[in-house]
Amino acid sequence: MKPKYFLNGFSIVIFCFFFLTGICQVNEDSILFARSEKWTVKQNKGLFGLSKPEFGNFTTIDVGKINSPVIKKKTKDGTALDYDISSAGVHIEQSKFLIIEKTKSYKLQLATNTDTTEAAFSISSISKEKRQTFMSKMLSKNNEGKDMTLSYDRDVQGIIIKTGIDSMQWEFFIENFTSASRATGGNYNSEVSISGGYLKNDRDSLCILYSSSPTDLILVNARGEHVAALKYKQKPLSIWIRNDIENSYQKAIAALFAVIIGIKDV
């Protein structure tokens, strides 16, 4: 009988843990929404998928590539030979597989009525691609749809610097930031998503965590407090930043969110 009692007790503990975690989540969300204003984001989408978001008293005045070389590396990952025999004859198709790694550098400037916050960051992507060989293209009667991206993943890393008297430097990292404009394989409806990351300075660190409706991600400090949230997957895009945190924190978070919105469709 003892093992049975042990399992029942263990199940109760697990249930209580997740129940209390859920209650804390709801309470922290309630505090976040009560102490912040919901800002609807005007995306201002421009060339090459880049955007200049506006929200609250923040306006993106510049976003674009930094004048530096793109780091690119191609690695062969095998070949494949397919053939089809029919009454029309024999069709042979040869494909090669590549792993392509790229790193591109960008900058963003976010302005308020009093000062400007700047972000410099790089997008590092890894894509696995299937491409027809030159000989296969020469022999094939129909090359449409033969080249495709099998998978695409990217990470974003950078710094945020607030100009002015109380300047402070932050570092940020966004992990597995998929793009809505990058269809892969048979998935033609790719959804933008972020798996995690952080925003930190010399004395504090905020974690980027997944969140469910009405937000898509939240920023949580070391004390477990929800200090900001972002809805970025579907329109209308929305932002919440607590108004009881330091002004420098608010501007750094706003710059991070501007970066996410600015490149989400790249």
C-alpha atoms as a PDB file:
ATOM      1  CA  MET A   1       0.000   0.000   0.000  1.00  0.00           C
ATOM      2  CA  LYS A   2       2.852   2.425   0.716  1.00  0.00           C
ATOM      3  CA  PRO A   3       3.911   2.834  -2.930  1.00  0.00           C
ATOM      4  CA  LYS A   4       0.311   3.726  -3.784  1.00  0.00           C
ATOM      5  CA  TYR A   5       0.177   6.393  -1.053  1.00  0.00           C
ATOM      6  CA  PHE A   6       3.541   7.729  -2.252  1.00  0.00           C
ATOM      7  CA  LEU A   7       2.312   8.066  -5.836  1.00  0.00           C
ATOM      8  CA  ASN A   8      -0.886   9.771  -4.732  1.00  0.00           C
ATOM      9  CA  GLY A   9       1.082  12.223  -2.603  1.00  0.00           C
ATOM     10  CA  PHE A  10       3.520  12.890  -5.408  1.00  0.00           C
ATOM     11  CA  SER A  11       0.670  13.549  -7.832  1.00  0.00           C
ATOM     12  CA  ILE A  12      -0.864  16.062  -5.415  1.00  0.00           C
ATOM     13  CA  VAL A  13       2.474  17.886  -5.079  1.00  0.00           C
ATOM     14  CA  ILE A  14       2.882  18.091  -8.858  1.00  0.00           C
ATOM     15  CA  PHE A  15      -0.698  19.313  -9.249  1.00  0.00           C
ATOM     16  CA  CYS A  16      -0.219  21.997  -6.597  1.00  0.00           C
ATOM     17  CA  PHE A  17       3.037  23.132  -8.184  1.00  0.00           C
ATOM     18  CA  PHE A  18       1.485  23.692 -11.597  1.00  0.00           C
ATOM     19  CA  PHE A  19      -1.672  25.173 -10.076  1.00  0.00           C
ATOM     20  CA  LEU A  20       0.304  27.715  -8.039  1.00  0.00           C
ATOM     21  CA  THR A  21       2.549  28.454 -11.045  1.00  0.00           C
ATOM     22  CA  GLY A  22      -0.545  29.183 -13.107  1.00  0.00           C
ATOM     23  CA  ILE A  23      -1.956  31.446 -10.376  1.00  0.00           C
ATOM     24  CA  CYS A  24       1.350  33.356 -10.186  1.00  0.00           C
ATOM     25  CA  GLN A  25       1.341  33.714 -13.972  1.00  0.00           C
ATOM     26  CA  VAL A  26      -2.155  35.202 -13.894  1.00  0.00           C
ATOM     27  CA  ASN A  27      -1.261  37.542 -11.015  1.00  0.00           C
ATOM     28  CA  GLU A  28       1.917  38.770 -12.712  1.00  0.00           C
ATOM     29  CA  ASP A  29       0.050  39.353 -15.984  1.00  0.00           C
ATOM     30  CA  SER A  30      -2.629  41.283 -14.093  1.00  0.00           C
ATOM     31  CA  ILE A  31       0.020  43.514 -12.486  1.00  0.00           C
ATOM     32  CA  LEU A  32       1.712  44.075 -15.853  1.00  0.00           C
ATOM     33  CA  PHE A  33      -1.521  45.099 -17.585  1.00  0.00           C
ATOM     34  CA  ALA A  34      -2.632  47.270 -14.637  1.00  0.00           C
ATOM     35  CA  ARG A  35       0.670  49.175 -14.523  1.00  0.00           C
ATOM     36  CA  SER A  36       1.176  49.699 -18.243  1.00  0.00           C
ATOM     37  CA  GLU A  37      -0.598  51.270 -21.183  1.00  0.00           C
ATOM     38  CA  LYS A  38      -1.424  49.086 -24.164  1.00  0.00           C
ATOM     39  CA  TRP A  39       0.189  50.551 -27.274  1.00  0.00           C
ATOM     40  CA  THR A  40      -0.968  49.538 -30.733  1.00  0.00           C
ATOM     41  CA  VAL A  41       1.992  49.343 -33.109  1.00  0.00           C
ATOM     42  CA  LYS A  42       2.062  51.033 -36.497  1.00  0.00           C
ATOM     43  CA  GLN A  43       4.469  48.796 -38.413  1.00  0.00           C
ATOM     44  CA  ASN A  44       5.431  51.053 -41.382  1.00  0.00           C
ATOM     45  CA  LYS A  45       6.758  48.236 -43.531  1.00  0.00           C
ATOM     46  CA  GLY A  46       9.338  49.257 -46.133  1.00  0.00           C
ATOM     47  CA  LEU A  47      11.824  47.725 -48.527  1.00  0.00           C
ATOM     48  CA  PHE A  48      13.258  44.216 -48.127  1.00  0.00           C
ATOM     49  CA  GLY A  49      10.782  43.384 -45.346  1.00  0.00           C
ATOM     50  CA  LEU A  50      12.238  45.890 -42.870  1.00  0.00           C
ATOM     51  CA  SER A  51       9.836  48.015 -40.819  1.00  0.00           C
ATOM     52  CA  LYS A  52       9.994  51.284 -38.863  1.00  0.00           C
ATOM     53  CA  PRO A  53       7.575  50.678 -35.992  1.00  0.00           C
ATOM     54  CA  GLU A  54       5.834  53.453 -34.071  1.00  0.00           C
ATOM     55  CA  PHE A  55       4.183  52.946 -30.675  1.00  0.00           C
ATOM     56  CA  GLY A  56       3.421  55.179 -27.704  1.00  0.00           C
ATOM     57  CA  ASN A  57       5.889  58.079 -27.792  1.00  0.00           C
ATOM     58  CA  PHE A  58       8.510  55.974 -29.623  1.00  0.00           C
ATOM     59  CA  THR A  59       9.281  56.335 -33.334  1.00  0.00           C
ATOM     60  CA  THR A  60      11.815  54.360 -35.367  1.00  0.00           C
ATOM     61  CA  ILE A  61      13.666  56.933 -37.433  1.00  0.00           C
ATOM     62  CA  ASP A  62      16.148  54.599 -39.110  1.00  0.00           C
ATOM     63  CA  VAL A  63      16.617  50.872 -39.714  1.00  0.00           C
ATOM     64  CA  GLY A  64      18.846  49.166 -42.232  1.00  0.00           C
ATOM     65  CA  LYS A  65      21.983  47.230 -42.969  1.00  0.00           C
ATOM     66  CA  ILE A  66      25.341  48.407 -41.695  1.00  0.00           C
ATOM     67  CA  ASN A  67      27.891  48.976 -44.427  1.00  0.00           C
ATOM     68  CA  SER A  68      29.907  45.858 -43.678  1.00  0.00           C
ATOM     69  CA  PRO A  69      30.520  42.651 -45.647  1.00  0.00           C
ATOM     70  CA  VAL A  70      28.057  39.770 -45.337  1.00  0.00           C
ATOM     71  CA  ILE A  71      29.717  36.698 -43.852  1.00  0.00           C
ATOM     72  CA  LYS A  72      28.625  33.688 -45.870  1.00  0.00           C
ATOM     73  CA  LYS A  73      29.640  30.036 -45.801  1.00  0.00           C
ATOM     74  CA  LYS A  74      28.376  27.173 -47.979  1.00  0.00           C
ATOM     75  CA  THR A  75      28.861  23.525 -47.077  1.00  0.00           C
ATOM     76  CA  LYS A  76      27.911  20.593 -49.308  1.00  0.00           C
ATOM     77  CA  ASP A  77      25.655  18.118 -47.544  1.00  0.00           C
ATOM     78  CA  GLY A  78      25.322  15.313 -50.099  1.00  0.00           C
ATOM     79  CA  THR A  79      23.481  14.620 -53.341  1.00  0.00           C
ATOM     80  CA  ALA A  80      20.399  12.702 -54.439  1.00  0.00           C
ATOM     81  CA  LEU A  81      19.422  11.024 -57.706  1.00  0.00           C
ATOM     82  CA  ASP A  82      15.760  10.519 -58.621  1.00  0.00           C
ATOM     83  CA  TYR A  83      14.364   8.966 -61.772  1.00  0.00           C
ATOM     84  CA  ASP A  84      10.970   8.229 -63.257  1.00  0.00           C
ATOM     85  CA  ILE A  85      10.195   5.748 -66.051  1.00  0.00           C
ATOM     86  CA  SER A  86       6.950   6.202 -67.985  1.00  0.00           C
ATOM     87  CA  SER A  87       5.544   5.960 -71.476  1.00  0.00           C
ATOM     88  CA  ALA A  88       6.974   9.406 -72.129  1.00  0.00           C
ATOM     89  CA  GLY A  89      10.467   8.116 -71.453  1.00  0.00           C
ATOM     90  CA  VAL A  90      12.984   8.271 -68.632  1.00  0.00           C
ATOM     91  CA  HIS A  91      13.214  11.379 -66.473  1.00  0.00           C
ATOM     92  CA  ILE A  92      16.338  11.790 -64.342  1.00  0.00           C
ATOM     93  CA  GLU A  93      16.796  14.492 -61.723  1.00  0.00           C
ATOM     94  CA  GLN A  94      19.922  15.086 -59.659  1.00  0.00           C
ATOM     95  CA  SER A  95      19.909  17.373 -56.650  1.00  0.00           C
ATOM     96  CA  LYS A  96      22.550  18.655 -54.274  1.00  0.00           C
ATOM     97  CA  PHE A  97      22.050  19.655 -50.648  1.00  0.00           C
ATOM     98  CA  LEU A  98      23.710  22.704 -49.125  1.00  0.00           C
ATOM     99  CA  ILE A  99      24.030  24.200 -45.652  1.00  0.00           C
ATOM    100  CA  ILE A 100      24.270  27.977 -45.998  1.00  0.00           C
ATOM    101  CA  GLU A 101      25.363  30.138 -43.054  1.00  0.00           C
ATOM    102  CA  LYS A 102      25.032  33.922 -43.230  1.00  0.00           C
ATOM    103  CA  THR A 103      25.649  36.810 -40.864  1.00  0.00           C
ATOM    104  CA  LYS A 104      24.347  40.287 -41.711  1.00  0.00           C
ATOM    105  CA  SER A 105      24.738  43.434 -39.607  1.00  0.00           C
ATOM    106  CA  TYR A 106      21.997  46.016 -39.000  1.00  0.00           C
ATOM    107  CA  LYS A 107      21.292  49.180 -37.039  1.00  0.00           C
ATOM    108  CA  LEU A 108      18.137  50.769 -35.655  1.00  0.00           C
ATOM    109  CA  GLN A 109      17.441  54.186 -34.111  1.00  0.00           C
ATOM    110  CA  LEU A 110      14.419  54.707 -31.885  1.00  0.00           C
ATOM    111  CA  ALA A 111      13.542  58.281 -30.925  1.00  0.00           C
ATOM    112  CA  THR A 112      11.385  59.958 -28.285  1.00  0.00           C
ATOM    113  CA  ASN A 113      10.741  63.646 -27.751  1.00  0.00           C
ATOM    114  CA  THR A 114      13.911  63.960 -25.644  1.00  0.00           C
ATOM    115  CA  ASP A 115      16.540  61.510 -26.883  1.00  0.00           C
ATOM    116  CA  THR A 116      17.436  58.571 -29.114  1.00  0.00           C
ATOM    117  CA  THR A 117      18.179  54.927 -28.387  1.00  0.00           C
ATOM    118  CA  GLU A 118      20.383  53.026 -30.819  1.00  0.00           C
ATOM    119  CA  ALA A 119      20.658  49.305 -31.488  1.00  0.00           C
ATOM    120  CA  ALA A 120      23.388  47.560 -33.470  1.00  0.00           C
ATOM    121  CA  PHE A 121      22.818  43.880 -34.126  1.00  0.00           C
ATOM    122  CA  SER A 122      23.562  40.931 -36.384  1.00  0.00           C
ATOM    123  CA  ILE A 123      21.276  38.269 -37.829  1.00  0.00           C
ATOM    124  CA  SER A 124      22.969  34.872 -38.065  1.00  0.00           C
ATOM    125  CA  SER A 125      21.021  32.379 -40.154  1.00  0.00           C
ATOM    126  CA  ILE A 126      21.439  28.736 -41.111  1.00  0.00           C
ATOM    127  CA  SER A 127      19.431  27.322 -44.000  1.00  0.00           C
ATOM    128  CA  LYS A 128      19.404  23.841 -45.490  1.00  0.00           C
ATOM    129  CA  GLU A 129      18.645  23.950 -49.195  1.00  0.00           C
ATOM    130  CA  LYS A 130      17.965  21.512 -52.005  1.00  0.00           C
ATOM    131  CA  ARG A 131      19.087  22.607 -55.460  1.00  0.00           C
ATOM    132  CA  GLN A 132      19.169  21.048 -58.886  1.00  0.00           C
ATOM    133  CA  THR A 133      22.590  20.402 -60.337  1.00  0.00           C
ATOM    134  CA  PHE A 134      23.531  22.262 -63.509  1.00  0.00           C
ATOM    135  CA  MET A 135      23.298  19.074 -65.592  1.00  0.00           C
ATOM    136  CA  SER A 136      19.852  18.274 -64.210  1.00  0.00           C
ATOM    137  CA  LYS A 137      18.610  21.743 -65.171  1.00  0.00           C
ATOM    138  CA  MET A 138      19.902  21.271 -68.696  1.00  0.00           C
ATOM    139  CA  LEU A 139      18.140  17.920 -69.120  1.00  0.00           C
ATOM    140  CA  SER A 140      14.895  18.707 -67.294  1.00  0.00           C
ATOM    141  CA  LYS A 141      11.880  20.050 -69.178  1.00  0.00           C
ATOM    142  CA  ASN A 142      10.364  21.608 -66.049  1.00  0.00           C
ATOM    143  CA  ASN A 143      12.590  23.209 -63.388  1.00  0.00           C
ATOM    144  CA  GLU A 144       9.816  24.940 -61.465  1.00  0.00           C
ATOM    145  CA  GLY A 145       9.730  24.091 -57.760  1.00  0.00           C
ATOM    146  CA  LYS A 146      12.850  21.917 -57.891  1.00  0.00           C
ATOM    147  CA  ASP A 147      14.964  24.269 -55.752  1.00  0.00           C
ATOM    148  CA  MET A 148      13.685  24.715 -52.202  1.00  0.00           C
ATOM    149  CA  THR A 149      14.672  25.734 -48.692  1.00  0.00           C
ATOM    150  CA  LEU A 150      14.236  22.717 -46.440  1.00  0.00           C
ATOM    151  CA  SER A 151      14.771  24.564 -43.153  1.00  0.00           C
ATOM    152  CA  TYR A 152      15.646  28.081 -42.033  1.00  0.00           C
ATOM    153  CA  ASP A 153      16.678  29.244 -38.575  1.00  0.00           C
ATOM    154  CA  ARG A 154      18.238  32.446 -37.269  1.00  0.00           C
ATOM    155  CA  ASP A 155      19.499  34.042 -34.062  1.00  0.00           C
ATOM    156  CA  VAL A 156      19.812  37.774 -33.395  1.00  0.00           C
ATOM    157  CA  GLN A 157      22.486  39.275 -31.165  1.00  0.00           C
ATOM    158  CA  GLY A 158      23.309  42.902 -30.472  1.00  0.00           C
ATOM    159  CA  ILE A 159      23.690  45.881 -28.171  1.00  0.00           C
ATOM    160  CA  ILE A 160      21.438  48.793 -27.240  1.00  0.00           C
ATOM    161  CA  ILE A 161      22.886  52.169 -26.290  1.00  0.00           C
ATOM    162  CA  LYS A 162      20.800  55.039 -24.990  1.00  0.00           C
ATOM    163  CA  THR A 163      22.300  58.381 -25.918  1.00  0.00           C
ATOM    164  CA  GLY A 164      22.256  61.232 -23.445  1.00  0.00           C
ATOM    165  CA  ILE A 165      23.421  61.906 -19.906  1.00  0.00           C
ATOM    166  CA  ASP A 166      22.181  58.617 -18.408  1.00  0.00           C
ATOM    167  CA  SER A 167      23.585  56.464 -21.207  1.00  0.00           C
ATOM    168  CA  MET A 168      23.594  52.740 -20.500  1.00  0.00           C
ATOM    169  CA  GLN A 169      24.587  49.786 -22.649  1.00  0.00           C
ATOM    170  CA  TRP A 170      22.492  46.652 -22.890  1.00  0.00           C
ATOM    171  CA  GLU A 171      23.126  43.335 -24.602  1.00  0.00           C
ATOM    172  CA  PHE A 172      20.375  41.217 -26.132  1.00  0.00           C
ATOM    173  CA  PHE A 173      19.977  37.820 -27.720  1.00  0.00           C
ATOM    174  CA  ILE A 174      16.931  36.430 -29.550  1.00  0.00           C
ATOM    175  CA  GLU A 175      16.967  32.680 -30.131  1.00  0.00           C
ATOM    176  CA  ASN A 176      15.299  30.766 -32.979  1.00  0.00           C
ATOM    177  CA  PHE A 177      13.630  33.819 -34.489  1.00  0.00           C
ATOM    178  CA  THR A 178      11.723  32.347 -37.439  1.00  0.00           C
ATOM    179  CA  SER A 179      10.455  34.603 -40.209  1.00  0.00           C
ATOM    180  CA  ALA A 180       6.927  34.686 -41.607  1.00  0.00           C
ATOM    181  CA  SER A 181       8.343  35.391 -45.074  1.00  0.00           C
ATOM    182  CA  ARG A 182      10.523  32.253 -45.197  1.00  0.00           C
ATOM    183  CA  ALA A 183       8.537  29.277 -46.482  1.00  0.00           C
ATOM    184  CA  THR A 184      10.372  25.975 -45.988  1.00  0.00           C
ATOM    185  CA  GLY A 185       9.863  22.593 -47.597  1.00  0.00           C
ATOM    186  CA  GLY A 186       6.162  21.846 -47.876  1.00  0.00           C
ATOM    187  CA  ASN A 187       5.285  24.516 -45.311  1.00  0.00           C
ATOM    188  CA  TYR A 188       4.131  27.546 -47.285  1.00  0.00           C
ATOM    189  CA  ASN A 189       2.532  29.283 -44.282  1.00  0.00           C
ATOM    190  CA  SER A 190       5.538  29.839 -42.064  1.00  0.00           C
ATOM    191  CA  GLU A 191       4.723  31.623 -38.796  1.00  0.00           C
ATOM    192  CA  VAL A 192       7.015  34.077 -37.063  1.00  0.00           C
ATOM    193  CA  SER A 193       8.087  32.838 -33.625  1.00  0.00           C
ATOM    194  CA  ILE A 194      10.758  33.262 -30.942  1.00  0.00           C
ATOM    195  CA  SER A 195      11.852  30.495 -28.590  1.00  0.00           C
ATOM    196  CA  GLY A 196      13.663  32.640 -25.999  1.00  0.00           C
ATOM    197  CA  GLY A 197      16.477  35.058 -25.248  1.00  0.00           C
ATOM    198  CA  TYR A 198      17.532  37.822 -22.895  1.00  0.00           C
ATOM    199  CA  LEU A 199      18.102  41.552 -22.417  1.00  0.00           C
ATOM    200  CA  LYS A 200      20.793  42.422 -19.872  1.00  0.00           C
ATOM    201  CA  ASN A 201      23.159  45.069 -18.582  1.00  0.00           C
ATOM    202  CA  ASP A 202      25.907  45.055 -15.938  1.00  0.00           C
ATOM    203  CA  ARG A 203      23.483  44.850 -13.042  1.00  0.00           C
ATOM    204  CA  ASP A 204      20.323  43.167 -14.265  1.00  0.00           C
ATOM    205  CA  SER A 205      18.977  40.594 -16.686  1.00  0.00           C
ATOM    206  CA  LEU A 206      15.549  40.142 -18.245  1.00  0.00           C
ATOM    207  CA  CYS A 207      14.490  36.838 -19.789  1.00  0.00           C
ATOM    208  CA  ILE A 208      12.473  36.627 -23.010  1.00  0.00           C
ATOM    209  CA  LEU A 209       9.826  33.949 -22.514  1.00  0.00           C
ATOM    210  CA  TYR A 210       7.005  32.562 -24.620  1.00  0.00           C
ATOM    211  CA  SER A 211       3.541  33.655 -23.578  1.00  0.00           C
ATOM    212  CA  SER A 212       0.020  32.864 -24.693  1.00  0.00           C
ATOM    213  CA  SER A 213      -2.908  35.122 -25.521  1.00  0.00           C
ATOM    214  CA  PRO A 214      -3.250  38.074 -25.427  1.00  0.00           C
ATOM    215  CA  THR A 215       0.555  38.354 -25.713  1.00  0.00           C
ATOM    216  CA  ASP A 216       3.175  36.301 -27.598  1.00  0.00           C
ATOM    217  CA  LEU A 217       6.185  36.950 -25.373  1.00  0.00           C
ATOM    218  CA  ILE A 218       6.948  38.512 -22.020  1.00  0.00           C
ATOM    219  CA  LEU A 219      10.034  39.954 -20.341  1.00  0.00           C
ATOM    220  CA  VAL A 220      10.611  38.663 -16.802  1.00  0.00           C
ATOM    221  CA  ASN A 221      13.163  40.037 -14.353  1.00  0.00           C
ATOM    222  CA  ALA A 222      15.204  38.068 -11.798  1.00  0.00           C
ATOM    223  CA  ARG A 223      12.412  38.449  -9.223  1.00  0.00           C
ATOM    224  CA  GLY A 224       9.903  36.804 -11.534  1.00  0.00           C
ATOM    225  CA  GLU A 225       8.063  40.045 -12.253  1.00  0.00           C
ATOM    226  CA  HIS A 226       6.561  40.541 -15.704  1.00  0.00           C
ATOM    227  CA  VAL A 227       7.834  43.938 -16.822  1.00  0.00           C
ATOM    228  CA  ALA A 228       6.806  44.000 -20.488  1.00  0.00           C
ATOM    229  CA  ALA A 229       4.962  42.041 -23.159  1.00  0.00           C
ATOM    230  CA  LEU A 230       4.695  41.977 -26.932  1.00  0.00           C
ATOM    231  CA  LYS A 231       2.067  40.658 -29.353  1.00  0.00           C
ATOM    232  CA  TYR A 232       3.869  40.329 -32.679  1.00  0.00           C
ATOM    233  CA  LYS A 233       2.473  37.312 -34.542  1.00  0.00           C
ATOM    234  CA  GLN A 234      -0.813  38.733 -35.760  1.00  0.00           C
ATOM    235  CA  LYS A 235      -2.237  42.202 -36.271  1.00  0.00           C
ATOM    236  CA  PRO A 236      -2.912  44.413 -34.467  1.00  0.00           C
ATOM    237  CA  LEU A 237       0.597  44.300 -33.018  1.00  0.00           C
ATOM    238  CA  SER A 238       0.605  45.447 -29.386  1.00  0.00           C
ATOM    239  CA  ILE A 239       3.121  46.404 -26.685  1.00  0.00           C
ATOM    240  CA  TRP A 240       2.900  46.689 -22.902  1.00  0.00           C
ATOM    241  CA  ILE A 241       5.782  48.185 -20.853  1.00  0.00           C
ATOM    242  CA  ARG A 242       5.312  48.821 -17.145  1.00  0.00           C
ATOM    243  CA  ASN A 243       5.341  52.528 -16.273  1.00  0.00           C
ATOM    244  CA  ASP A 244       6.718  51.934 -12.760  1.00  0.00           C
ATOM    245  CA  ILE A 245      10.144  50.677 -13.893  1.00  0.00           C
ATOM    246  CA  GLU A 246      13.183  52.880 -14.540  1.00  0.00           C
ATOM    247  CA  ASN A 247      13.048  55.102 -17.604  1.00  0.00           C
ATOM    248  CA  SER A 248      16.270  53.579 -18.954  1.00  0.00           C
ATOM    249  CA  TYR A 249      14.681  50.118 -18.710  1.00  0.00           C
ATOM    250  CA  GLN A 250      11.593  51.290 -20.577  1.00  0.00           C
ATOM    251  CA  LYS A 251      13.670  52.672 -23.446  1.00  0.00           C
ATOM    252  CA  ALA A 252      15.887  49.584 -23.695  1.00  0.00           C
ATOM    253  CA  ILE A 253      12.805  47.336 -23.796  1.00  0.00           C
ATOM    254  CA  ALA A 254      11.186  49.597 -26.399  1.00  0.00           C
ATOM    255  CA  ALA A 255      14.327  49.333 -28.563  1.00  0.00           C
ATOM    256  CA  LEU A 256      14.342  45.529 -28.237  1.00  0.00           C
ATOM    257  CA  PHE A 257      10.691  45.351 -29.285  1.00  0.00           C
ATOM    258  CA  ALA A 258      11.381  47.744 -32.179  1.00  0.00           C
ATOM    259  CA  VAL A 259      14.144  45.400 -33.391  1.00  0.00           C
ATOM    260  CA  ILE A 260      11.808  42.384 -33.218  1.00  0.00           C
ATOM    261  CA  ILE A 261       9.055  44.144 -35.145  1.00  0.00           C
ATOM    262  CA  GLY A 262      11.517  45.787 -37.521  1.00  0.00           C
ATOM    263  CA  ILE A 263      12.978  42.479 -38.775  1.00  0.00           C
ATOM    264  CA  LYS A 264      10.208  39.960 -38.150  1.00  0.00           C
ATOM    265  CA  ASP A 265       9.348  39.723 -41.864  1.00  0.00           C
ATOM    266  CA  VAL A 266      12.920  39.793 -43.168  1.00  0.00           C
END
